[in-house]
Protein backbone atom coordinates (compact mmCIF):
# COMPACT_ATOMS: atom_id res chain seq x y z
CA UNK A 1 0.00 0.00 0.00
CA UNK A 2 2.90 2.34 0.74
CA UNK A 3 4.07 1.96 -2.84
CA UNK A 4 0.59 2.63 -4.20
CA UNK A 5 0.54 6.05 -2.50
CA UNK A 6 4.05 6.79 -3.81
CA UNK A 7 2.98 5.82 -7.35
CA UNK A 8 -0.13 8.01 -7.14
CA UNK A 9 2.02 10.99 -6.12
CA UNK A 10 4.46 10.31 -8.97
CA UNK A 11 1.56 10.11 -11.44
CA UNK A 12 0.26 13.40 -10.10
CA UNK A 13 3.68 14.99 -10.70
CA UNK A 14 3.89 13.52 -14.19
CA UNK A 15 0.38 14.26 -15.50
CA UNK A 16 -0.66 17.46 -13.72
CA UNK A 17 1.45 20.37 -14.97
CA UNK A 18 2.84 22.67 -12.29
CA UNK A 19 0.93 25.56 -13.82
CA UNK A 20 -2.36 23.74 -13.04
CA UNK A 21 -1.45 22.87 -9.44
CA UNK A 22 -2.50 25.05 -6.55
CA UNK A 23 0.31 27.00 -4.89
CA UNK A 24 1.30 25.39 -1.60
CA UNK A 25 1.73 27.59 1.47
CA UNK A 26 4.82 25.69 2.50
CA UNK A 27 8.33 25.70 1.03
CA UNK A 28 8.19 21.96 0.63
CA UNK A 29 5.09 21.33 -1.46
CA UNK A 30 2.38 19.15 0.01
CA UNK A 31 2.95 16.32 -2.46
CA UNK A 32 6.72 16.37 -1.86
CA UNK A 33 6.19 16.41 1.90
CA UNK A 34 3.77 13.47 1.81
CA UNK A 35 6.03 11.55 -0.59
CA UNK A 36 9.06 12.05 1.65
CA UNK A 37 7.25 11.06 4.85
CA UNK A 38 5.66 8.01 3.21
CA UNK A 39 8.97 6.84 1.79
CA UNK A 40 10.85 7.31 5.06
CA UNK A 41 8.24 6.34 7.67
CA UNK A 42 5.59 4.28 5.90
CA UNK A 43 1.98 4.44 4.81
CA UNK A 44 0.35 5.42 8.12
CA UNK A 45 2.76 8.32 8.64
CA UNK A 46 2.22 9.34 5.02
CA UNK A 47 -1.55 9.44 5.48
CA UNK A 48 -1.13 11.46 8.69
CA UNK A 49 1.14 13.90 6.83
CA UNK A 50 -1.43 14.16 4.02
CA UNK A 51 -4.28 14.88 6.45
CA UNK A 52 -2.14 17.44 8.28
CA UNK A 53 -1.34 19.26 5.05
CA UNK A 54 -4.94 19.11 3.79
CA UNK A 55 -6.10 20.69 7.04
CA UNK A 56 -3.40 23.37 7.08
CA UNK A 57 -2.59 24.21 3.46
CA UNK A 58 -5.60 26.20 2.35
CA UNK A 59 -6.68 29.74 1.72
CA UNK A 60 -7.85 30.37 5.28
CA UNK A 61 -4.55 31.59 6.66
CA UNK A 62 -2.91 34.76 7.91
CA UNK A 63 0.66 35.90 7.57
CA UNK A 64 1.66 38.32 10.30
CA UNK A 65 4.90 40.04 11.21
CA UNK A 66 6.22 39.80 14.76
CA UNK A 67 9.61 41.29 15.64
CA UNK A 68 10.45 41.57 11.92
CA UNK A 69 9.77 37.86 11.42
CA UNK A 70 6.84 36.63 9.38
CA UNK A 71 4.62 33.91 10.77
CA UNK A 72 1.97 31.84 9.05
CA UNK A 73 -1.13 31.08 11.10
CA UNK A 74 -3.39 28.44 9.57
CA UNK A 75 -7.12 27.99 10.04
CA UNK A 76 -6.34 25.22 12.57
CA UNK A 77 -4.31 27.78 14.58
CA UNK A 78 -0.94 26.17 13.84
CA UNK A 79 1.94 28.63 13.60
CA UNK A 80 4.83 28.23 11.14
CA UNK A 81 8.03 30.24 10.90
CA UNK A 82 9.07 32.23 7.85
CA UNK A 83 11.61 29.55 6.87
CA UNK A 84 8.74 27.10 6.27
CA UNK A 85 6.59 29.45 4.17
CA UNK A 86 6.65 29.42 0.36
CA UNK A 87 8.29 32.62 -0.93
CA UNK A 88 5.30 33.12 -3.24
CA UNK A 89 3.17 34.04 -0.22
CA UNK A 90 5.79 36.24 1.45
CA UNK A 91 5.83 38.80 -1.37
PDB file of N, CA and C in Angstrom:
ATOM      1  N   UNK A   1       0.817  -1.206   0.000  1.00  0.00           N
ATOM      2  CA  UNK A   1       0.000   0.000   0.000  1.00  0.00           C
ATOM      3  C   UNK A   1       0.859   1.267   0.000  1.00  0.00           C
ATOM      4  N   UNK A   2       1.984   1.199   0.709  1.00  0.00           N
ATOM      5  CA  UNK A   2       2.902   2.336   0.736  1.00  0.00           C
ATOM      6  C   UNK A   2       3.295   2.714  -0.688  1.00  0.00           C
ATOM      7  N   UNK A   3       3.616   1.705  -1.479  1.00  0.00           N
ATOM      8  CA  UNK A   3       4.072   1.960  -2.842  1.00  0.00           C
ATOM      9  C   UNK A   3       2.949   2.482  -3.734  1.00  0.00           C
ATOM     10  N   UNK A   4       1.726   2.113  -3.431  1.00  0.00           N
ATOM     11  CA  UNK A   4       0.594   2.630  -4.199  1.00  0.00           C
ATOM     12  C   UNK A   4       0.478   4.145  -4.007  1.00  0.00           C
ATOM     13  N   UNK A   5       0.600   4.607  -2.764  1.00  0.00           N
ATOM     14  CA  UNK A   5       0.544   6.047  -2.502  1.00  0.00           C
ATOM     15  C   UNK A   5       1.706   6.762  -3.193  1.00  0.00           C
ATOM     16  N   UNK A   6       2.892   6.190  -3.148  1.00  0.00           N
ATOM     17  CA  UNK A   6       4.050   6.793  -3.809  1.00  0.00           C
ATOM     18  C   UNK A   6       3.839   6.877  -5.325  1.00  0.00           C
ATOM     19  N   UNK A   7       3.256   5.831  -5.908  1.00  0.00           N
ATOM     20  CA  UNK A   7       2.980   5.821  -7.352  1.00  0.00           C
ATOM     21  C   UNK A   7       1.929   6.876  -7.705  1.00  0.00           C
ATOM     22  N   UNK A   8       0.910   7.004  -6.887  1.00  0.00           N
ATOM     23  CA  UNK A   8      -0.134   8.010  -7.136  1.00  0.00           C
ATOM     24  C   UNK A   8       0.478   9.412  -7.128  1.00  0.00           C
ATOM     25  N   UNK A   9       1.365   9.675  -6.185  1.00  0.00           N
ATOM     26  CA  UNK A   9       2.017  10.991  -6.124  1.00  0.00           C
ATOM     27  C   UNK A   9       2.887  11.211  -7.364  1.00  0.00           C
ATOM     28  N   UNK A  10       3.628  10.182  -7.771  1.00  0.00           N
ATOM     29  CA  UNK A  10       4.463  10.306  -8.973  1.00  0.00           C
ATOM     30  C   UNK A  10       3.614  10.550 -10.217  1.00  0.00           C
ATOM     31  N   UNK A  11       2.466   9.891 -10.306  1.00  0.00           N
ATOM     32  CA  UNK A  11       1.564  10.111 -11.441  1.00  0.00           C
ATOM     33  C   UNK A  11       1.023  11.541 -11.426  1.00  0.00           C
ATOM     34  N   UNK A  12       0.708  12.016 -10.255  1.00  0.00           N
ATOM     35  CA  UNK A  12       0.263  13.405 -10.103  1.00  0.00           C
ATOM     36  C   UNK A  12       1.334  14.361 -10.634  1.00  0.00           C
ATOM     37  N   UNK A  13       2.587  14.138 -10.236  1.00  0.00           N
ATOM     38  CA  UNK A  13       3.682  14.993 -10.702  1.00  0.00           C
ATOM     39  C   UNK A  13       3.841  14.910 -12.212  1.00  0.00           C
ATOM     40  N   UNK A  14       3.656  13.714 -12.760  1.00  0.00           N
ATOM     41  CA  UNK A  14       3.887  13.515 -14.185  1.00  0.00           C
ATOM     42  C   UNK A  14       2.766  14.098 -15.049  1.00  0.00           C
ATOM     43  N   UNK A  15       1.512  13.923 -14.637  1.00  0.00           N
ATOM     44  CA  UNK A  15       0.382  14.263 -15.501  1.00  0.00           C
ATOM     45  C   UNK A  15      -0.317  15.579 -15.191  1.00  0.00           C
ATOM     46  N   UNK A  16      -0.064  16.160 -14.028  1.00  0.00           N
ATOM     47  CA  UNK A  16      -0.661  17.461 -13.717  1.00  0.00           C
ATOM     48  C   UNK A  16       0.449  18.509 -13.815  1.00  0.00           C
ATOM     49  N   UNK A  17       0.391  19.370 -14.809  1.00  0.00           N
ATOM     50  CA  UNK A  17       1.455  20.369 -14.965  1.00  0.00           C
ATOM     51  C   UNK A  17       1.499  21.313 -13.759  1.00  0.00           C
ATOM     52  N   UNK A  18       2.685  21.779 -13.440  1.00  0.00           N
ATOM     53  CA  UNK A  18       2.836  22.675 -12.295  1.00  0.00           C
ATOM     54  C   UNK A  18       1.959  23.910 -12.410  1.00  0.00           C
ATOM     55  N   UNK A  19       1.752  24.367 -13.616  1.00  0.00           N
ATOM     56  CA  UNK A  19       0.926  25.560 -13.815  1.00  0.00           C
ATOM     57  C   UNK A  19      -0.536  25.322 -13.424  1.00  0.00           C
ATOM     58  N   UNK A  20      -0.976  24.072 -13.395  1.00  0.00           N
ATOM     59  CA  UNK A  20      -2.360  23.740 -13.039  1.00  0.00           C
ATOM     60  C   UNK A  20      -2.512  23.404 -11.552  1.00  0.00           C
ATOM     61  N   UNK A  21      -1.395  23.222 -10.863  1.00  0.00           N
ATOM     62  CA  UNK A  21      -1.455  22.867  -9.440  1.00  0.00           C
ATOM     63  C   UNK A  21      -1.636  24.120  -8.595  1.00  0.00           C
ATOM     64  N   UNK A  22      -2.312  23.953  -7.492  1.00  0.00           N
ATOM     65  CA  UNK A  22      -2.498  25.045  -6.552  1.00  0.00           C
ATOM     66  C   UNK A  22      -1.171  25.357  -5.864  1.00  0.00           C
ATOM     67  N   UNK A  23      -0.917  26.609  -5.584  1.00  0.00           N
ATOM     68  CA  UNK A  23       0.309  26.997  -4.886  1.00  0.00           C
ATOM     69  C   UNK A  23       0.220  26.549  -3.426  1.00  0.00           C
ATOM     70  N   UNK A  24       1.248  25.877  -2.978  1.00  0.00           N
ATOM     71  CA  UNK A  24       1.302  25.390  -1.601  1.00  0.00           C
ATOM     72  C   UNK A  24       1.822  26.510  -0.699  1.00  0.00           C
ATOM     73  N   UNK A  25       1.287  26.593   0.509  1.00  0.00           N
ATOM     74  CA  UNK A  25       1.730  27.591   1.474  1.00  0.00           C
ATOM     75  C   UNK A  25       3.151  27.333   1.968  1.00  0.00           C
ATOM     76  N   UNK A  26       3.550  26.092   1.903  1.00  0.00           N
ATOM     77  CA  UNK A  26       4.815  25.688   2.502  1.00  0.00           C
ATOM     78  C   UNK A  26       5.930  25.601   1.473  1.00  0.00           C
ATOM     79  N   UNK A  27       7.181  25.800   1.928  1.00  0.00           N
ATOM     80  CA  UNK A  27       8.335  25.705   1.033  1.00  0.00           C
ATOM     81  C   UNK A  27       8.399  24.334   0.380  1.00  0.00           C
ATOM     82  N   UNK A  28       8.253  23.305   1.167  1.00  0.00           N
ATOM     83  CA  UNK A  28       8.191  21.956   0.626  1.00  0.00           C
ATOM     84  C   UNK A  28       6.737  21.705   0.259  1.00  0.00           C
ATOM     85  N   UNK A  29       6.474  21.488  -1.022  1.00  0.00           N
ATOM     86  CA  UNK A  29       5.085  21.326  -1.456  1.00  0.00           C
ATOM     87  C   UNK A  29       4.423  20.162  -0.733  1.00  0.00           C
ATOM     88  N   UNK A  30       3.119  20.186  -0.692  1.00  0.00           N
ATOM     89  CA  UNK A  30       2.375  19.149   0.013  1.00  0.00           C
ATOM     90  C   UNK A  30       2.667  17.757  -0.547  1.00  0.00           C
ATOM     91  N   UNK A  31       2.694  17.640  -1.873  1.00  0.00           N
ATOM     92  CA  UNK A  31       2.950  16.322  -2.461  1.00  0.00           C
ATOM     93  C   UNK A  31       4.372  15.850  -2.162  1.00  0.00           C
ATOM     94  N   UNK A  32       5.347  16.749  -2.201  1.00  0.00           N
ATOM     95  CA  UNK A  32       6.721  16.375  -1.865  1.00  0.00           C
ATOM     96  C   UNK A  32       6.847  15.980  -0.397  1.00  0.00           C
ATOM     97  N   UNK A  33       6.170  16.705   0.463  1.00  0.00           N
ATOM     98  CA  UNK A  33       6.190  16.414   1.897  1.00  0.00           C
ATOM     99  C   UNK A  33       5.594  15.030   2.175  1.00  0.00           C
ATOM    100  N   UNK A  34       4.430  14.761   1.602  1.00  0.00           N
ATOM    101  CA  UNK A  34       3.769  13.467   1.814  1.00  0.00           C
ATOM    102  C   UNK A  34       4.608  12.340   1.217  1.00  0.00           C
ATOM    103  N   UNK A  35       5.178  12.562   0.048  1.00  0.00           N
ATOM    104  CA  UNK A  35       6.029  11.552  -0.592  1.00  0.00           C
ATOM    105  C   UNK A  35       7.218  11.214   0.306  1.00  0.00           C
ATOM    106  N   UNK A  36       7.880  12.249   0.803  1.00  0.00           N
ATOM    107  CA  UNK A  36       9.062  12.045   1.651  1.00  0.00           C
ATOM    108  C   UNK A  36       8.712  11.284   2.931  1.00  0.00           C
ATOM    109  N   UNK A  37       7.656  11.708   3.605  1.00  0.00           N
ATOM    110  CA  UNK A  37       7.255  11.063   4.853  1.00  0.00           C
ATOM    111  C   UNK A  37       6.852   9.614   4.594  1.00  0.00           C
ATOM    112  N   UNK A  38       6.097   9.369   3.536  1.00  0.00           N
ATOM    113  CA  UNK A  38       5.658   8.010   3.206  1.00  0.00           C
ATOM    114  C   UNK A  38       6.861   7.122   2.917  1.00  0.00           C
ATOM    115  N   UNK A  39       7.785   7.625   2.152  1.00  0.00           N
ATOM    116  CA  UNK A  39       8.965   6.839   1.788  1.00  0.00           C
ATOM    117  C   UNK A  39       9.822   6.524   3.009  1.00  0.00           C
ATOM    118  N   UNK A  40       9.986   7.493   3.897  1.00  0.00           N
ATOM    119  CA  UNK A  40      10.850   7.312   5.064  1.00  0.00           C
ATOM    120  C   UNK A  40      10.180   6.558   6.210  1.00  0.00           C
ATOM    121  N   UNK A  41       8.891   6.844   6.451  1.00  0.00           N
ATOM    122  CA  UNK A  41       8.244   6.338   7.673  1.00  0.00           C
ATOM    123  C   UNK A  41       7.085   5.395   7.441  1.00  0.00           C
ATOM    124  N   UNK A  42       6.650   5.236   6.182  1.00  0.00           N
ATOM    125  CA  UNK A  42       5.586   4.284   5.904  1.00  0.00           C
ATOM    126  C   UNK A  42       4.242   4.914   5.606  1.00  0.00           C
ATOM    127  N   UNK A  43       3.300   4.038   5.284  1.00  0.00           N
ATOM    128  CA  UNK A  43       1.980   4.440   4.813  1.00  0.00           C
ATOM    129  C   UNK A  43       1.186   5.227   5.857  1.00  0.00           C
ATOM    130  N   UNK A  44       1.148   4.752   7.084  1.00  0.00           N
ATOM    131  CA  UNK A  44       0.345   5.420   8.121  1.00  0.00           C
ATOM    132  C   UNK A  44       0.866   6.839   8.355  1.00  0.00           C
ATOM    133  N   UNK A  45       2.178   6.987   8.455  1.00  0.00           N
ATOM    134  CA  UNK A  45       2.758   8.320   8.641  1.00  0.00           C
ATOM    135  C   UNK A  45       2.494   9.197   7.422  1.00  0.00           C
ATOM    136  N   UNK A  46       2.524   8.599   6.241  1.00  0.00           N
ATOM    137  CA  UNK A  46       2.224   9.340   5.022  1.00  0.00           C
ATOM    138  C   UNK A  46       0.796   9.854   5.003  1.00  0.00           C
ATOM    139  N   UNK A  47      -0.155   9.010   5.415  1.00  0.00           N
ATOM    140  CA  UNK A  47      -1.553   9.443   5.478  1.00  0.00           C
ATOM    141  C   UNK A  47      -1.734  10.543   6.519  1.00  0.00           C
ATOM    142  N   UNK A  48      -1.048  10.411   7.658  1.00  0.00           N
ATOM    143  CA  UNK A  48      -1.132  11.462   8.687  1.00  0.00           C
ATOM    144  C   UNK A  48      -0.582  12.786   8.148  1.00  0.00           C
ATOM    145  N   UNK A  49       0.548  12.701   7.427  1.00  0.00           N
ATOM    146  CA  UNK A  49       1.136  13.904   6.835  1.00  0.00           C
ATOM    147  C   UNK A  49       0.178  14.518   5.820  1.00  0.00           C
ATOM    148  N   UNK A  50      -0.485  13.673   5.026  1.00  0.00           N
ATOM    149  CA  UNK A  50      -1.430  14.160   4.025  1.00  0.00           C
ATOM    150  C   UNK A  50      -2.616  14.852   4.696  1.00  0.00           C
ATOM    151  N   UNK A  51      -3.149  14.278   5.729  1.00  0.00           N
ATOM    152  CA  UNK A  51      -4.280  14.879   6.449  1.00  0.00           C
ATOM    153  C   UNK A  51      -3.851  16.205   7.092  1.00  0.00           C
ATOM    154  N   UNK A  52      -2.654  16.216   7.675  1.00  0.00           N
ATOM    155  CA  UNK A  52      -2.141  17.442   8.282  1.00  0.00           C
ATOM    156  C   UNK A  52      -2.047  18.559   7.247  1.00  0.00           C
ATOM    157  N   UNK A  53      -1.491  18.247   6.086  1.00  0.00           N
ATOM    158  CA  UNK A  53      -1.343  19.263   5.045  1.00  0.00           C
ATOM    159  C   UNK A  53      -2.697  19.688   4.476  1.00  0.00           C
ATOM    160  N   UNK A  54      -3.606  18.759   4.286  1.00  0.00           N
ATOM    161  CA  UNK A  54      -4.940  19.110   3.789  1.00  0.00           C
ATOM    162  C   UNK A  54      -5.620  20.075   4.756  1.00  0.00           C
ATOM    163  N   UNK A  55      -5.470  19.830   6.038  1.00  0.00           N
ATOM    164  CA  UNK A  55      -6.097  20.689   7.041  1.00  0.00           C
ATOM    165  C   UNK A  55      -5.428  22.046   7.178  1.00  0.00           C
ATOM    166  N   UNK A  56      -4.147  22.136   6.837  1.00  0.00           N
ATOM    167  CA  UNK A  56      -3.405  23.370   7.085  1.00  0.00           C
ATOM    168  C   UNK A  56      -3.016  24.149   5.838  1.00  0.00           C
ATOM    169  N   UNK A  57      -3.000  23.513   4.685  1.00  0.00           N
ATOM    170  CA  UNK A  57      -2.586  24.211   3.464  1.00  0.00           C
ATOM    171  C   UNK A  57      -3.829  24.595   2.673  1.00  0.00           C
ATOM    172  N   UNK A  58      -4.422  25.712   3.051  1.00  0.00           N
ATOM    173  CA  UNK A  58      -5.602  26.198   2.349  1.00  0.00           C
ATOM    174  C   UNK A  58      -5.640  27.715   2.418  1.00  0.00           C
ATOM    175  N   UNK A  59      -6.625  28.276   1.834  1.00  0.00           N
ATOM    176  CA  UNK A  59      -6.682  29.741   1.719  1.00  0.00           C
ATOM    177  C   UNK A  59      -7.064  30.453   3.011  1.00  0.00           C
ATOM    178  N   UNK A  60      -7.475  29.741   4.012  1.00  0.00           N
ATOM    179  CA  UNK A  60      -7.854  30.368   5.282  1.00  0.00           C
ATOM    180  C   UNK A  60      -6.634  30.488   6.188  1.00  0.00           C
ATOM    181  N   UNK A  61      -5.762  31.414   5.871  1.00  0.00           N
ATOM    182  CA  UNK A  61      -4.548  31.594   6.658  1.00  0.00           C
ATOM    183  C   UNK A  61      -4.252  33.081   6.796  1.00  0.00           C
ATOM    184  N   UNK A  62      -3.378  33.395   7.724  1.00  0.00           N
ATOM    185  CA  UNK A  62      -2.911  34.762   7.906  1.00  0.00           C
ATOM    186  C   UNK A  62      -1.397  34.742   7.996  1.00  0.00           C
ATOM    187  N   UNK A  63      -0.772  35.725   7.401  1.00  0.00           N
ATOM    188  CA  UNK A  63       0.663  35.904   7.569  1.00  0.00           C
ATOM    189  C   UNK A  63       0.837  37.224   8.308  1.00  0.00           C
ATOM    190  N   UNK A  64       1.465  37.134   9.462  1.00  0.00           N
ATOM    191  CA  UNK A  64       1.661  38.320  10.298  1.00  0.00           C
ATOM    192  C   UNK A  64       3.158  38.533  10.499  1.00  0.00           C
ATOM    193  N   UNK A  65       3.502  39.736  10.918  1.00  0.00           N
ATOM    194  CA  UNK A  65       4.900  40.044  11.209  1.00  0.00           C
ATOM    195  C   UNK A  65       5.033  40.347  12.693  1.00  0.00           C
ATOM    196  N   UNK A  66       5.943  39.622  13.341  1.00  0.00           N
ATOM    197  CA  UNK A  66       6.216  39.805  14.759  1.00  0.00           C
ATOM    198  C   UNK A  66       7.725  39.933  14.915  1.00  0.00           C
ATOM    199  N   UNK A  67       8.168  41.041  15.473  1.00  0.00           N
ATOM    200  CA  UNK A  67       9.608  41.293  15.644  1.00  0.00           C
ATOM    201  C   UNK A  67      10.377  41.098  14.347  1.00  0.00           C
ATOM    202  N   UNK A  68       9.851  41.626  13.265  1.00  0.00           N
ATOM    203  CA  UNK A  68      10.451  41.571  11.923  1.00  0.00           C
ATOM    204  C   UNK A  68      10.559  40.159  11.355  1.00  0.00           C
ATOM    205  N   UNK A  69       9.831  39.223  11.940  1.00  0.00           N
ATOM    206  CA  UNK A  69       9.773  37.861  11.416  1.00  0.00           C
ATOM    207  C   UNK A  69       8.337  37.579  11.004  1.00  0.00           C
ATOM    208  N   UNK A  70       8.182  36.957   9.857  1.00  0.00           N
ATOM    209  CA  UNK A  70       6.842  36.632   9.377  1.00  0.00           C
ATOM    210  C   UNK A  70       6.446  35.246   9.880  1.00  0.00           C
ATOM    211  N   UNK A  71       5.187  35.154  10.283  1.00  0.00           N
ATOM    212  CA  UNK A  71       4.625  33.906  10.773  1.00  0.00           C
ATOM    213  C   UNK A  71       3.361  33.580   9.998  1.00  0.00           C
ATOM    214  N   UNK A  72       3.179  32.322   9.715  1.00  0.00           N
ATOM    215  CA  UNK A  72       1.974  31.835   9.052  1.00  0.00           C
ATOM    216  C   UNK A  72       1.089  31.211  10.113  1.00  0.00           C
ATOM    217  N   UNK A  73      -0.154  31.662  10.180  1.00  0.00           N
ATOM    218  CA  UNK A  73      -1.127  31.078  11.101  1.00  0.00           C
ATOM    219  C   UNK A  73      -2.224  30.458  10.247  1.00  0.00           C
ATOM    220  N   UNK A  74      -2.405  29.148  10.385  1.00  0.00           N
ATOM    221  CA  UNK A  74      -3.393  28.436   9.570  1.00  0.00           C
ATOM    222  C   UNK A  74      -4.763  28.482  10.226  1.00  0.00           C
ATOM    223  N   UNK A  75      -5.752  27.993   9.502  1.00  0.00           N
ATOM    224  CA  UNK A  75      -7.119  27.988  10.041  1.00  0.00           C
ATOM    225  C   UNK A  75      -7.265  27.031  11.226  1.00  0.00           C
ATOM    226  N   UNK A  76      -6.313  26.122  11.414  1.00  0.00           N
ATOM    227  CA  UNK A  76      -6.341  25.222  12.573  1.00  0.00           C
ATOM    228  C   UNK A  76      -5.487  25.776  13.713  1.00  0.00           C
ATOM    229  N   UNK A  77      -5.071  27.045  13.564  1.00  0.00           N
ATOM    230  CA  UNK A  77      -4.312  27.780  14.576  1.00  0.00           C
ATOM    231  C   UNK A  77      -2.907  27.239  14.802  1.00  0.00           C
ATOM    232  N   UNK A  78      -2.345  26.590  13.794  1.00  0.00           N
ATOM    233  CA  UNK A  78      -0.940  26.174  13.836  1.00  0.00           C
ATOM    234  C   UNK A  78      -0.108  27.355  13.352  1.00  0.00           C
ATOM    235  N   UNK A  79       1.066  27.522  13.944  1.00  0.00           N
ATOM    236  CA  UNK A  79       1.943  28.635  13.598  1.00  0.00           C
ATOM    237  C   UNK A  79       3.225  28.075  12.986  1.00  0.00           C
ATOM    238  N   UNK A  80       3.623  28.658  11.846  1.00  0.00           N
ATOM    239  CA  UNK A  80       4.826  28.228  11.144  1.00  0.00           C
ATOM    240  C   UNK A  80       5.740  29.425  10.940  1.00  0.00           C
ATOM    241  N   UNK A  81       7.033  29.184  11.083  1.00  0.00           N
ATOM    242  CA  UNK A  81       8.034  30.238  10.895  1.00  0.00           C
ATOM    243  C   UNK A  81       8.219  30.577   9.426  1.00  0.00           C
ATOM    244  N   UNK A  82       8.817  31.729   9.197  1.00  0.00           N
ATOM    245  CA  UNK A  82       9.068  32.231   7.851  1.00  0.00           C
ATOM    246  C   UNK A  82       9.864  31.235   7.006  1.00  0.00           C
ATOM    247  N   UNK A  83      10.771  30.495   7.616  1.00  0.00           N
ATOM    248  CA  UNK A  83      11.612  29.553   6.867  1.00  0.00           C
ATOM    249  C   UNK A  83      10.800  28.393   6.284  1.00  0.00           C
ATOM    250  N   UNK A  84       9.594  28.176   6.770  1.00  0.00           N
ATOM    251  CA  UNK A  84       8.744  27.095   6.271  1.00  0.00           C
ATOM    252  C   UNK A  84       7.718  27.566   5.238  1.00  0.00           C
ATOM    253  N   UNK A  85       7.616  28.887   5.039  1.00  0.00           N
ATOM    254  CA  UNK A  85       6.587  29.451   4.166  1.00  0.00           C
ATOM    255  C   UNK A  85       7.125  29.602   2.751  1.00  0.00           C
ATOM    256  N   UNK A  86       6.300  29.255   1.774  1.00  0.00           N
ATOM    257  CA  UNK A  86       6.646  29.418   0.364  1.00  0.00           C
ATOM    258  C   UNK A  86       6.860  30.904   0.072  1.00  0.00           C
ATOM    259  N   UNK A  87       7.951  31.235  -0.610  1.00  0.00           N
ATOM    260  CA  UNK A  87       8.287  32.623  -0.928  1.00  0.00           C
ATOM    261  C   UNK A  87       7.176  33.338  -1.714  1.00  0.00           C
ATOM    262  N   UNK A  88       6.413  32.580  -2.463  1.00  0.00           N
ATOM    263  CA  UNK A  88       5.301  33.123  -3.243  1.00  0.00           C
ATOM    264  C   UNK A  88       4.328  33.901  -2.345  1.00  0.00           C
ATOM    265  N   UNK A  89       4.123  33.431  -1.115  1.00  0.00           N
ATOM    266  CA  UNK A  89       3.170  34.045  -0.215  1.00  0.00           C
ATOM    267  C   UNK A  89       3.801  35.132   0.648  1.00  0.00           C
ATOM    268  N   UNK A  90       5.112  35.219   0.636  1.00  0.00           N
ATOM    269  CA  UNK A  90       5.786  36.245   1.449  1.00  0.00           C
ATOM    270  C   UNK A  90       5.934  37.558   0.709  1.00  0.00           C
ATOM    271  N   UNK A  91       5.665  37.578  -0.583  1.00  0.00           N
ATOM    272  CA  UNK A  91       5.834  38.800  -1.374  1.00  0.00           C
ATOM    273  C   UNK A  91       4.725  39.786  -1.127  1.00  0.00           C
TER     274      UNK A  91
END
